[in-house]
Amino acid sequence: MKRKTLVLSAAAGLLTPLIAACGGHDGGGASGEAIIVGTTDQYTATKEEPAPLDPAYTYDTSAWNLLRQTIQTLMTQPKGEGTPVPEAAQSCSFTDKGDERYACVLRDGLKFANGDDITAADVKYSIERSLRIDADTGVSSLLNTIDTVETQGDRQVIFHLKSADATFPYKLSTPVAGIVNPKDYEKGKLRDGFQVDGSGPYTFRAQVDHGTITAVTYSRNPLYKGSLKVSNEKVELRVFKDADAMASAIDKGDIDVMTRTMTPTQIQKLAAGDDDNVELVEMSGLEIRYLAFNTDAPTVRSKAVRQAMAQIINRDALVNEVYGSQAEPLYSLVPASVVGHSNSFFNKYGDSSVAKAKSLLDRAGVTAPVKLTLHYTTDHYGSATKQEFEVLQKQLNDSGLFDANIQGHVWTTFRPAEQKGQYDVWGMGWFPDFPDADNFLAPFLDKNNFLGSPYSNATIQKKLIPDSRREADRLAAVASLTQIQDDVAEDVPVLPLWQGKQYIAARNDITGTSYALNSSSVLCLWELSRGVSE
């Protein structure tokens, strides 16, 4: 087993603009033989969520990674992070001093995979469709600074913003801003099922069994025009029921690559380097895990209860027991390495202390033990999630201040239930839409937030978030970003736990794996190639 570590750190990438897109090399040995990639991510269409792959609806990293191979966006996040670069666009830029007018010129000769020409009108249609549908997943909130979309001729699109938004180029790199064909995607209706069509580097064909994807075939799109260099002709993504089944497949040579999600034990075993046929690639990541609260629920309505949980939970012990070196404690929604990060929770609560937690409850007149249930998903963030919640339960109950139970649910039940406010406390993960502090704060705290949380802070929503977005120099936004994080530590509408690293395992004839994932967990299948490993 060989183990490679990505040389570029997340911090360096975030501070240094790069010119190559998340794909920027002609990997050796491209051939017609499909590269087989395994995943444990599950993709299911249900009555509650019949359109899991419509870019106007889905707000989930695993589904977005299916779309990014096929749905093209005006901008893309570059290899190694940095500021976004044009993708379907030839050029994009702010054209006014106030950063409220953003203009893009499309590449000449853009076509959908079916041969239809792409015009500025199609871009306008796609953006306005996402805003019009305004899905209850909250994904359209990424576009909520748009006032109007204007076209000039067939190739120029102009976005007039309601207020300055220095993060807008990042938002145009996300699938909700993807360019879709009006023939395939109705204006006011979601596209049910598992069909995906676009102008990206690949075409998409899903194999489905009883409403669940079992495999996806990506074939190189000969009409693609963009900034990505495609290093293979075909990739097949196979869905496995669990990490053990996926690991067995790569051991047998049935698949070439393992992606999300390997278990901590598997990663430790691979890192030991006992198998010369497989390489483990470790990369910096911006994945975070946190507890979310329904702040209207009787059990956690009192801020003191949430603060007491923040005071008791020992992140170091949690990480060491469950994830080891694969994660690190997190004391803010904004990960370390992202500009604007502040250890606000540690600054307020310090080390774990039962005595301090008891004092918080006593001062608020809350009688201990507080009885509550922690909910988690059993099939979305990896098999270690159950163990993580067992550790959290034990920490809370050992304090004598809580009587906590835990309850696991499959994702297709879990996600709709938490959005409807059926859980008081639940665990979530966040893989950023783009690597900026705004994307670790606004989705949880702004109006129509991703969690459907009843928590509302007028200062954050009306002043601090807008103020931070006015600063193109993100270092100049640090004061506003820090105040937001301090307010979150005070009110605890969410409780950050840890941030993790990322891993890919691949058989040693596969190249391009070091850039097949970026820190935002964007899967770049076009990077993979079959050749001779160095």
Protein backbone atom coordinates (compact mmCIF):
# COMPACT_ATOMS: atom_id res chain seq x y z
CA MET A 1 0.00 0.00 0.00
CA LYS A 2 1.36 3.38 -0.96
CA ARG A 3 0.14 6.48 0.79
CA LYS A 4 0.24 9.89 -0.87
CA THR A 5 -0.55 13.22 0.72
CA LEU A 6 -1.62 16.22 -1.34
CA VAL A 7 1.13 18.80 -1.20
CA LEU A 8 -1.12 21.85 -1.46
CA SER A 9 -2.70 22.67 1.90
CA ALA A 10 -6.25 23.97 2.03
CA ALA A 11 -5.02 27.24 3.52
CA ALA A 12 -2.52 27.84 0.73
CA GLY A 13 -5.15 27.10 -1.88
CA LEU A 14 -7.66 29.46 -0.34
CA LEU A 15 -5.24 32.35 -0.33
CA THR A 16 -3.60 31.78 -3.72
CA PRO A 17 -5.60 32.15 -6.95
CA LEU A 18 -4.71 29.44 -9.46
CA ILE A 19 -5.26 29.49 -13.20
CA ALA A 20 -5.89 25.80 -13.80
CA ALA A 21 -9.43 24.51 -13.36
CA CYS A 22 -10.25 21.45 -11.25
CA GLY A 23 -8.91 19.34 -14.04
CA GLY A 24 -5.87 20.97 -15.63
CA HIS A 25 -3.74 18.15 -16.86
CA ASP A 26 -3.75 15.59 -19.64
CA GLY A 27 -3.37 12.49 -17.47
CA GLY A 28 -1.44 9.67 -19.08
CA GLY A 29 -2.94 6.72 -20.79
CA ALA A 30 -6.54 7.76 -21.48
CA SER A 31 -8.31 4.74 -22.97
CA GLY A 32 -11.75 3.49 -23.83
CA GLU A 33 -11.79 1.10 -20.88
CA ALA A 34 -14.11 2.50 -18.21
CA ILE A 35 -12.60 3.49 -14.88
CA ILE A 36 -14.81 1.99 -12.16
CA VAL A 37 -15.37 4.17 -9.10
CA GLY A 38 -17.10 2.96 -5.94
CA THR A 39 -19.22 4.96 -3.52
CA THR A 40 -21.50 4.25 -0.58
CA ASP A 41 -23.59 7.37 -1.25
CA GLN A 42 -27.21 6.41 -1.82
CA TYR A 43 -29.48 8.03 -4.42
CA THR A 44 -33.19 7.33 -4.00
CA ALA A 45 -36.32 8.93 -5.40
CA THR A 46 -39.22 8.96 -2.94
CA LYS A 47 -42.70 10.41 -2.74
CA GLU A 48 -41.32 13.17 -0.53
CA GLU A 49 -38.28 13.77 -2.77
CA PRO A 50 -39.19 12.67 -6.32
CA ALA A 51 -36.57 14.86 -8.05
CA PRO A 52 -33.29 14.12 -6.25
CA LEU A 53 -31.10 15.15 -9.21
CA ASP A 54 -32.78 18.33 -10.40
CA PRO A 55 -30.24 21.17 -9.99
CA ALA A 56 -33.06 23.47 -8.88
CA TYR A 57 -33.84 21.10 -6.02
CA THR A 58 -30.94 19.08 -4.67
CA TYR A 59 -28.68 20.56 -2.00
CA ASP A 60 -26.56 17.56 -1.13
CA THR A 61 -22.88 16.98 -1.84
CA SER A 62 -23.33 13.42 -3.09
CA ALA A 63 -26.04 14.43 -5.58
CA TRP A 64 -24.12 17.54 -6.59
CA ASN A 65 -21.16 15.33 -7.45
CA LEU A 66 -23.35 13.42 -9.88
CA LEU A 67 -24.48 16.67 -11.48
CA ARG A 68 -21.08 18.35 -11.73
CA GLN A 69 -19.91 15.82 -14.31
CA THR A 70 -22.80 16.66 -16.66
CA ILE A 71 -24.33 20.04 -15.80
CA GLN A 72 -22.02 22.90 -16.83
CA THR A 73 -21.74 26.15 -14.88
CA LEU A 74 -20.49 29.58 -15.90
CA MET A 75 -17.64 29.39 -13.39
CA THR A 76 -15.73 26.57 -11.72
CA GLN A 77 -13.56 26.21 -8.65
CA PRO A 78 -9.93 25.83 -9.70
CA LYS A 79 -7.63 22.99 -8.85
CA GLY A 80 -6.17 23.73 -5.42
CA GLU A 81 -9.00 26.21 -4.71
CA GLY A 82 -8.35 29.92 -5.21
CA THR A 83 -10.78 32.27 -6.89
CA PRO A 84 -13.24 30.82 -9.43
CA VAL A 85 -12.29 30.68 -13.10
CA PRO A 86 -14.54 30.71 -16.21
CA GLU A 87 -15.98 27.37 -17.34
CA ALA A 88 -18.94 27.72 -19.74
CA ALA A 89 -18.09 31.41 -19.72
CA GLN A 90 -15.23 32.85 -21.69
CA SER A 91 -14.95 35.63 -19.13
CA CYS A 92 -16.83 36.99 -16.11
CA SER A 93 -16.27 40.06 -13.94
CA PHE A 94 -17.85 42.73 -11.80
CA THR A 95 -18.36 45.80 -13.96
CA ASP A 96 -19.14 48.43 -11.32
CA LYS A 97 -17.36 49.77 -8.25
CA GLY A 98 -20.07 48.52 -5.89
CA ASP A 99 -19.86 44.84 -6.95
CA GLU A 100 -23.57 44.80 -7.80
CA ARG A 101 -23.32 44.18 -11.57
CA TYR A 102 -21.69 40.97 -12.75
CA ALA A 103 -21.31 40.26 -16.46
CA CYS A 104 -20.36 37.03 -18.25
CA VAL A 105 -19.57 36.32 -21.89
CA LEU A 106 -20.22 32.75 -23.01
CA ARG A 107 -17.68 30.68 -24.92
CA ASP A 108 -18.31 30.68 -28.65
CA GLY A 109 -19.99 27.55 -30.00
CA LEU A 110 -21.34 26.13 -26.72
CA LYS A 111 -23.76 23.26 -27.23
CA PHE A 112 -25.79 20.91 -25.10
CA ALA A 113 -24.83 17.25 -25.47
CA ASN A 114 -27.82 16.72 -27.80
CA GLY A 115 -26.42 19.33 -30.22
CA ASP A 116 -28.68 22.26 -29.32
CA ASP A 117 -26.92 25.62 -29.20
CA ILE A 118 -26.52 27.28 -25.80
CA THR A 119 -27.33 30.98 -25.67
CA ALA A 120 -27.45 33.65 -23.00
CA ALA A 121 -31.22 33.11 -22.92
CA ASP A 122 -30.64 29.52 -21.73
CA VAL A 123 -28.46 30.76 -18.87
CA LYS A 124 -31.10 33.32 -17.88
CA TYR A 125 -33.79 30.62 -18.07
CA SER A 126 -31.78 28.24 -15.88
CA ILE A 127 -31.06 30.78 -13.14
CA GLU A 128 -34.61 32.14 -13.09
CA ARG A 129 -35.99 28.59 -13.02
CA SER A 130 -34.07 27.79 -9.83
CA LEU A 131 -35.30 31.01 -8.24
CA ARG A 132 -38.88 30.48 -9.39
CA ILE A 133 -39.08 26.91 -8.07
CA ASP A 134 -37.53 28.03 -4.76
CA ALA A 135 -37.21 24.43 -3.51
CA ASP A 136 -37.73 23.69 0.17
CA THR A 137 -34.19 22.34 0.34
CA GLY A 138 -33.03 25.96 0.54
CA VAL A 139 -30.65 25.62 -2.42
CA SER A 140 -32.02 28.72 -4.18
CA SER A 141 -30.77 30.80 -1.25
CA LEU A 142 -27.37 30.65 -2.94
CA LEU A 143 -28.84 32.91 -5.61
CA ASN A 144 -30.81 35.20 -3.31
CA THR A 145 -28.68 38.26 -3.97
CA ILE A 146 -29.80 38.29 -7.63
CA ASP A 147 -32.29 41.01 -8.47
CA THR A 148 -32.63 40.57 -12.25
CA VAL A 149 -30.87 38.69 -15.05
CA GLU A 150 -30.33 40.51 -18.34
CA THR A 151 -29.10 39.22 -21.70
CA GLN A 152 -27.36 41.16 -24.44
CA GLY A 153 -27.22 39.21 -27.67
CA ASP A 154 -26.64 35.46 -27.65
CA ARG A 155 -23.48 35.41 -25.55
CA GLN A 156 -23.65 38.03 -22.80
CA VAL A 157 -25.43 37.58 -19.47
CA ILE A 158 -25.59 40.36 -16.89
CA PHE A 159 -26.57 39.77 -13.26
CA HIS A 160 -27.92 42.77 -11.37
CA LEU A 161 -27.57 42.11 -7.65
CA LYS A 162 -29.69 43.43 -4.79
CA SER A 163 -26.56 44.16 -2.78
CA ALA A 164 -22.82 43.70 -3.08
CA ASP A 165 -21.76 40.06 -3.00
CA ALA A 166 -18.07 39.31 -3.36
CA THR A 167 -18.88 35.58 -3.17
CA PHE A 168 -21.16 35.66 -6.23
CA PRO A 169 -18.56 34.15 -8.63
CA TYR A 170 -18.34 31.14 -6.28
CA LYS A 171 -22.11 30.75 -6.35
CA LEU A 172 -22.09 30.62 -10.14
CA SER A 173 -19.85 27.54 -9.83
CA THR A 174 -22.50 25.51 -7.97
CA PRO A 175 -25.03 23.17 -9.63
CA VAL A 176 -28.03 25.33 -8.69
CA ALA A 177 -26.60 27.81 -11.21
CA GLY A 178 -26.06 25.05 -13.79
CA ILE A 179 -27.12 25.59 -17.40
CA VAL A 180 -30.05 23.37 -18.42
CA ASN A 181 -31.93 22.93 -21.68
CA PRO A 182 -35.50 24.32 -21.53
CA LYS A 183 -36.57 21.30 -23.59
CA ASP A 184 -35.58 18.98 -20.73
CA TYR A 185 -36.33 21.12 -17.67
CA GLU A 186 -39.74 22.81 -17.37
CA LYS A 187 -39.82 26.36 -16.04
CA GLY A 188 -42.00 25.84 -12.99
CA LYS A 189 -41.75 22.09 -12.40
CA LEU A 190 -39.04 19.81 -11.07
CA ARG A 191 -37.74 16.99 -13.22
CA ASP A 192 -38.62 13.79 -11.39
CA GLY A 193 -36.45 10.69 -11.45
CA PHE A 194 -32.86 10.20 -12.50
CA GLN A 195 -32.41 11.81 -15.90
CA VAL A 196 -29.67 14.41 -16.15
CA ASP A 197 -28.79 16.35 -19.30
CA GLY A 198 -26.43 19.23 -19.86
CA SER A 199 -23.28 20.45 -21.60
CA GLY A 200 -20.59 19.28 -19.19
CA PRO A 201 -17.67 16.93 -19.84
CA TYR A 202 -19.80 13.77 -19.69
CA THR A 203 -23.22 12.44 -20.59
CA PHE A 204 -25.15 10.65 -17.85
CA ARG A 205 -26.96 7.31 -17.78
CA ALA A 206 -28.24 5.81 -14.53
CA GLN A 207 -29.10 2.21 -13.73
CA VAL A 208 -32.02 2.15 -11.31
CA ASP A 209 -33.52 -0.62 -9.21
CA HIS A 210 -36.71 0.02 -7.22
CA GLY A 211 -36.25 3.78 -7.19
CA THR A 212 -32.57 3.66 -6.21
CA ILE A 213 -29.50 4.21 -8.39
CA THR A 214 -27.19 1.20 -8.51
CA ALA A 215 -24.71 2.59 -11.04
CA VAL A 216 -24.06 5.59 -13.28
CA THR A 217 -22.21 5.51 -16.59
CA TYR A 218 -20.43 8.72 -17.61
CA SER A 219 -19.37 8.86 -21.25
CA ARG A 220 -17.16 11.62 -22.58
CA ASN A 221 -19.21 14.37 -24.24
CA PRO A 222 -17.65 15.09 -27.67
CA LEU A 223 -19.43 18.47 -27.86
CA TYR A 224 -18.08 19.74 -24.54
CA LYS A 225 -16.36 23.14 -24.57
CA GLY A 226 -14.97 24.42 -21.31
CA SER A 227 -11.89 24.80 -19.16
CA LEU A 228 -11.70 21.17 -17.93
CA LYS A 229 -9.32 18.72 -19.57
CA VAL A 230 -10.93 15.29 -19.63
CA SER A 231 -8.42 12.47 -19.10
CA ASN A 232 -10.62 9.46 -19.80
CA GLU A 233 -13.36 8.29 -22.15
CA LYS A 234 -15.70 6.65 -19.66
CA VAL A 235 -16.24 6.36 -15.91
CA GLU A 236 -18.69 4.03 -14.18
CA LEU A 237 -19.82 4.94 -10.67
CA ARG A 238 -21.04 1.91 -8.70
CA VAL A 239 -23.09 2.24 -5.53
CA PHE A 240 -22.33 -0.14 -2.66
CA LYS A 241 -24.51 -0.85 0.35
CA ASP A 242 -21.65 -0.23 2.77
CA ALA A 243 -17.92 0.43 3.04
CA ASP A 244 -17.06 -3.24 3.61
CA ALA A 245 -18.65 -4.26 0.33
CA MET A 246 -16.82 -1.44 -1.47
CA ALA A 247 -13.46 -2.42 0.08
CA SER A 248 -13.99 -6.03 -0.94
CA ALA A 249 -14.59 -4.91 -4.53
CA ILE A 250 -11.33 -2.97 -4.77
CA ASP A 251 -9.41 -5.85 -3.20
CA LYS A 252 -10.76 -8.15 -5.91
CA GLY A 253 -10.05 -5.63 -8.67
CA ASP A 254 -13.75 -5.22 -9.47
CA ILE A 255 -13.43 -1.46 -9.02
CA ASP A 256 -10.49 0.88 -9.53
CA VAL A 257 -11.24 3.66 -7.04
CA MET A 258 -12.95 4.03 -3.64
CA THR A 259 -14.44 7.40 -2.69
CA ARG A 260 -17.03 8.29 -0.06
CA THR A 261 -17.20 6.86 2.47
CA MET A 262 -14.50 4.63 3.90
CA THR A 263 -14.54 3.75 7.60
CA PRO A 264 -11.86 5.04 10.00
CA THR A 265 -10.65 1.46 10.44
CA GLN A 266 -10.30 0.95 6.69
CA ILE A 267 -8.36 4.19 6.33
CA GLN A 268 -5.98 3.20 9.13
CA LYS A 269 -5.42 -0.18 7.52
CA LEU A 270 -4.77 1.33 4.10
CA ALA A 271 -2.43 3.94 5.56
CA ALA A 272 -0.29 1.18 7.05
CA GLY A 273 0.89 0.41 3.52
CA ASP A 274 0.52 -3.37 3.51
CA ASP A 275 -0.91 -3.70 -0.02
CA ASP A 276 1.26 -2.75 -3.00
CA ASN A 277 -1.74 -2.84 -5.36
CA VAL A 278 -3.66 0.08 -3.84
CA GLU A 279 -2.73 3.65 -3.00
CA LEU A 280 -4.39 5.79 -0.32
CA VAL A 281 -4.53 9.51 -1.06
CA GLU A 282 -5.06 11.87 1.89
CA MET A 283 -6.16 15.45 1.27
CA SER A 284 -7.04 18.47 3.32
CA GLY A 285 -10.78 18.84 3.70
CA LEU A 286 -13.39 21.34 4.77
CA GLU A 287 -16.05 18.84 5.84
CA ILE A 288 -17.54 19.71 9.22
CA ARG A 289 -19.92 17.92 11.59
CA TYR A 290 -22.23 19.64 14.04
CA LEU A 291 -25.35 19.33 16.14
CA ALA A 292 -28.36 21.39 15.09
CA PHE A 293 -31.18 22.55 17.38
CA ASN A 294 -34.84 23.29 16.90
CA THR A 295 -34.69 26.36 19.10
CA ASP A 296 -38.50 26.40 19.41
CA ALA A 297 -38.63 22.87 20.87
CA PRO A 298 -39.42 22.76 24.62
CA THR A 299 -36.41 20.60 25.52
CA VAL A 300 -33.81 22.98 24.04
CA ARG A 301 -35.72 26.28 23.86
CA SER A 302 -33.72 27.60 26.79
CA LYS A 303 -30.36 28.90 25.59
CA ALA A 304 -28.86 27.61 28.84
CA VAL A 305 -29.54 23.99 27.82
CA ARG A 306 -27.72 24.44 24.52
CA GLN A 307 -24.89 26.29 26.26
CA ALA A 308 -24.59 23.50 28.82
CA MET A 309 -24.19 20.96 26.03
CA ALA A 310 -21.48 23.15 24.50
CA GLN A 311 -19.79 23.27 27.90
CA ILE A 312 -19.89 19.50 28.46
CA ILE A 313 -19.00 18.00 25.08
CA ASN A 314 -15.32 17.09 24.90
CA ARG A 315 -14.36 17.32 21.24
CA ASP A 316 -10.83 16.01 21.75
CA ALA A 317 -12.09 12.83 23.41
CA LEU A 318 -14.78 12.41 20.73
CA VAL A 319 -12.32 12.74 17.86
CA ASN A 320 -9.65 10.54 19.47
CA GLU A 321 -12.09 7.76 20.27
CA VAL A 322 -13.91 7.65 16.93
CA TYR A 323 -11.80 9.21 14.17
CA GLY A 324 -8.22 9.45 15.43
CA SER A 325 -5.93 11.42 13.13
CA GLN A 326 -8.60 11.59 10.43
CA ALA A 327 -10.36 14.57 12.07
CA GLU A 328 -9.67 17.43 14.46
CA PRO A 329 -11.82 19.30 16.98
CA LEU A 330 -13.75 22.30 15.64
CA TYR A 331 -14.74 25.32 17.71
CA SER A 332 -16.64 27.26 15.05
CA LEU A 333 -18.80 26.64 12.03
CA VAL A 334 -15.93 28.03 9.94
CA PRO A 335 -13.10 25.49 9.70
CA ALA A 336 -9.53 26.29 10.58
CA SER A 337 -7.59 27.18 7.38
CA VAL A 338 -10.49 29.24 5.98
CA VAL A 339 -9.98 33.00 6.08
CA GLY A 340 -12.15 34.42 8.88
CA HIS A 341 -12.05 31.36 11.16
CA SER A 342 -12.30 32.09 14.89
CA ASN A 343 -12.23 29.61 17.80
CA SER A 344 -15.34 31.27 19.22
CA PHE A 345 -16.67 28.25 21.11
CA PHE A 346 -13.34 27.59 22.82
CA ASN A 347 -12.96 31.28 23.62
CA LYS A 348 -16.35 31.23 25.35
CA TYR A 349 -16.46 27.78 26.98
CA GLY A 350 -12.84 26.65 27.24
CA ASP A 351 -12.27 23.05 28.25
CA SER A 352 -15.12 20.67 29.04
CA SER A 353 -16.53 21.38 32.53
CA VAL A 354 -19.52 19.77 34.23
CA ALA A 355 -19.39 22.35 37.03
CA LYS A 356 -19.68 25.26 34.59
CA ALA A 357 -22.49 23.50 32.74
CA LYS A 358 -24.40 22.96 36.00
CA SER A 359 -24.00 26.63 36.85
CA LEU A 360 -25.49 27.61 33.48
CA LEU A 361 -28.55 25.43 34.08
CA ASP A 362 -28.96 26.55 37.68
CA ARG A 363 -28.86 30.25 36.78
CA ALA A 364 -31.55 29.69 34.16
CA GLY A 365 -33.75 27.69 36.54
CA VAL A 366 -33.50 24.52 34.43
CA THR A 367 -33.97 21.29 36.37
CA ALA A 368 -31.48 18.51 35.67
CA PRO A 369 -31.31 15.98 34.24
CA VAL A 370 -32.60 17.39 30.92
CA LYS A 371 -34.20 14.61 28.92
CA LEU A 372 -33.67 14.72 25.14
CA THR A 373 -33.02 12.57 22.06
CA LEU A 374 -30.11 13.02 19.66
CA HIS A 375 -31.04 11.99 16.12
CA TYR A 376 -28.55 10.93 13.47
CA THR A 377 -28.59 9.43 9.98
CA THR A 378 -27.42 5.84 9.60
CA ASP A 379 -26.51 5.81 5.90
CA HIS A 380 -25.27 9.22 4.79
CA TYR A 381 -22.07 10.18 6.60
CA GLY A 382 -20.45 6.80 7.11
CA SER A 383 -20.75 3.92 9.54
CA ALA A 384 -18.78 5.73 12.27
CA THR A 385 -21.69 8.12 12.85
CA LYS A 386 -23.41 5.70 15.21
CA GLN A 387 -20.27 5.36 17.34
CA GLU A 388 -19.90 9.15 17.35
CA PHE A 389 -23.39 9.58 18.77
CA GLU A 390 -22.82 6.85 21.34
CA VAL A 391 -19.81 8.84 22.58
CA LEU A 392 -21.84 12.08 22.66
CA GLN A 393 -24.61 10.33 24.57
CA LYS A 394 -22.16 8.98 27.13
CA GLN A 395 -20.48 12.36 27.64
CA LEU A 396 -23.81 14.08 28.26
CA ASN A 397 -25.20 11.36 30.53
CA ASP A 398 -22.00 10.93 32.53
CA SER A 399 -22.33 14.58 33.53
CA GLY A 400 -25.54 13.78 35.42
CA LEU A 401 -27.09 16.87 33.84
CA PHE A 402 -28.67 15.11 30.86
CA ASP A 403 -30.71 12.00 30.19
CA ALA A 404 -29.95 11.60 26.48
CA ASN A 405 -31.09 8.90 24.10
CA ILE A 406 -29.91 8.44 20.52
CA GLN A 407 -31.95 7.38 17.51
CA GLY A 408 -30.75 6.57 13.98
CA HIS A 409 -32.72 7.03 10.75
CA VAL A 410 -32.07 6.39 7.07
CA TRP A 411 -31.36 9.60 5.15
CA THR A 412 -34.59 9.53 3.14
CA THR A 413 -36.52 9.67 6.43
CA PHE A 414 -34.04 11.76 8.41
CA ARG A 415 -33.68 14.75 6.06
CA PRO A 416 -37.41 15.48 5.52
CA ALA A 417 -38.11 15.02 9.25
CA GLU A 418 -35.47 17.50 10.41
CA GLN A 419 -36.59 20.04 7.80
CA LYS A 420 -40.13 19.79 9.15
CA GLY A 421 -38.93 20.44 12.71
CA GLN A 422 -39.68 16.93 13.97
CA TYR A 423 -36.36 16.62 15.83
CA ASP A 424 -35.19 18.73 18.76
CA VAL A 425 -31.49 17.89 18.33
CA TRP A 426 -29.91 16.22 15.34
CA GLY A 427 -26.49 15.66 13.80
CA MET A 428 -25.53 16.95 10.38
CA GLY A 429 -22.50 17.25 8.15
CA TRP A 430 -21.63 20.12 5.85
CA PHE A 431 -19.50 19.99 2.74
CA PRO A 432 -19.11 23.56 1.53
CA ASP A 433 -20.59 24.79 -1.71
CA PHE A 434 -17.44 26.86 -2.07
CA PRO A 435 -14.40 27.51 0.16
CA ASP A 436 -15.34 30.82 1.76
CA ALA A 437 -16.38 31.59 5.36
CA ASP A 438 -19.70 32.97 4.11
CA ASN A 439 -20.69 29.48 3.01
CA PHE A 440 -20.21 28.09 6.51
CA LEU A 441 -22.38 30.81 8.07
CA ALA A 442 -25.13 32.12 5.77
CA PRO A 443 -26.63 28.68 4.91
CA PHE A 444 -27.34 28.12 8.64
CA LEU A 445 -28.14 31.64 9.80
CA ASP A 446 -29.70 33.58 6.93
CA LYS A 447 -33.39 33.68 6.06
CA ASN A 448 -34.76 30.48 4.50
CA ASN A 449 -31.71 28.64 5.79
CA PHE A 450 -30.64 25.14 4.82
CA LEU A 451 -31.71 23.64 8.15
CA GLY A 452 -35.16 25.22 8.25
CA SER A 453 -34.09 26.49 11.66
CA PRO A 454 -36.43 28.87 13.54
CA TYR A 455 -33.40 30.67 14.98
CA SER A 456 -33.21 34.25 13.72
CA ASN A 457 -30.67 36.93 14.55
CA ALA A 458 -31.53 40.25 12.91
CA THR A 459 -28.02 41.68 13.37
CA ILE A 460 -26.48 38.70 11.60
CA GLN A 461 -29.01 38.67 8.78
CA LYS A 462 -29.40 42.40 8.12
CA LYS A 463 -25.94 43.74 8.93
CA LEU A 464 -23.11 41.26 9.46
CA ILE A 465 -23.70 38.93 6.50
CA PRO A 466 -24.23 41.83 4.04
CA ASP A 467 -21.23 43.68 5.46
CA SER A 468 -18.99 40.65 5.01
CA ARG A 469 -20.11 40.18 1.41
CA ARG A 470 -19.13 43.72 0.48
CA GLU A 471 -15.46 42.91 0.99
CA ALA A 472 -13.77 41.48 -2.09
CA ASP A 473 -10.63 41.25 0.03
CA ARG A 474 -11.78 38.53 2.40
CA LEU A 475 -9.27 39.59 5.05
CA ALA A 476 -11.21 42.86 5.28
CA ALA A 477 -14.34 40.84 6.14
CA VAL A 478 -12.78 39.16 9.19
CA ALA A 479 -14.31 41.54 11.77
CA SER A 480 -17.87 40.86 10.57
CA LEU A 481 -17.22 37.13 10.24
CA THR A 482 -15.76 36.92 13.74
CA GLN A 483 -18.75 38.70 15.25
CA ILE A 484 -21.11 36.22 13.56
CA GLN A 485 -19.14 33.30 15.02
CA ASP A 486 -19.14 34.89 18.49
CA ASP A 487 -22.92 35.35 18.32
CA VAL A 488 -23.33 31.68 17.35
CA ALA A 489 -21.19 30.63 20.34
CA GLU A 490 -23.42 32.73 22.62
CA ASP A 491 -26.79 31.54 21.30
CA VAL A 492 -25.78 28.01 20.16
CA PRO A 493 -28.36 27.43 17.40
CA VAL A 494 -25.76 24.93 16.13
CA LEU A 495 -22.88 23.24 17.94
CA PRO A 496 -19.76 22.49 15.82
CA LEU A 497 -17.93 19.26 16.64
CA TRP A 498 -15.12 18.43 14.22
CA GLN A 499 -13.65 18.88 10.77
CA GLY A 500 -12.30 16.01 8.73
CA LYS A 501 -9.75 15.06 6.12
CA GLN A 502 -10.59 13.45 2.78
CA TYR A 503 -9.45 10.17 1.32
CA ILE A 504 -9.47 8.30 -1.96
CA ALA A 505 -8.12 4.80 -2.44
CA ALA A 506 -7.19 3.60 -5.91
CA ARG A 507 -5.47 0.70 -7.57
CA ASN A 508 -1.97 1.70 -8.53
CA ASP A 509 -2.55 1.86 -12.30
CA ILE A 510 -4.95 4.80 -11.80
CA THR A 511 -3.48 8.31 -12.05
CA GLY A 512 -4.96 11.73 -11.28
CA THR A 513 -6.26 10.76 -7.84
CA SER A 514 -4.49 13.62 -6.05
CA TYR A 515 -6.86 16.07 -7.72
CA ALA A 516 -9.96 13.90 -8.01
CA LEU A 517 -11.36 15.61 -4.89
CA ASN A 518 -10.92 19.22 -3.86
CA SER A 519 -11.28 20.56 -0.32
CA SER A 520 -14.99 21.25 -0.91
CA SER A 521 -15.45 17.53 -1.69
CA VAL A 522 -16.07 18.21 -5.37
CA LEU A 523 -15.54 14.95 -7.23
CA CYS A 524 -13.57 15.56 -10.44
CA LEU A 525 -13.92 12.31 -12.37
CA TRP A 526 -12.32 13.91 -15.43
CA GLU A 527 -8.99 13.89 -13.57
CA LEU A 528 -8.79 10.08 -13.47
CA SER A 529 -6.81 8.14 -16.01
CA ARG A 530 -5.38 4.68 -16.43
CA GLY A 531 -1.61 4.61 -16.67
CA VAL A 532 1.56 3.78 -14.83
CA SER A 533 1.74 5.06 -11.25
CA GLU A 534 4.89 6.95 -10.29
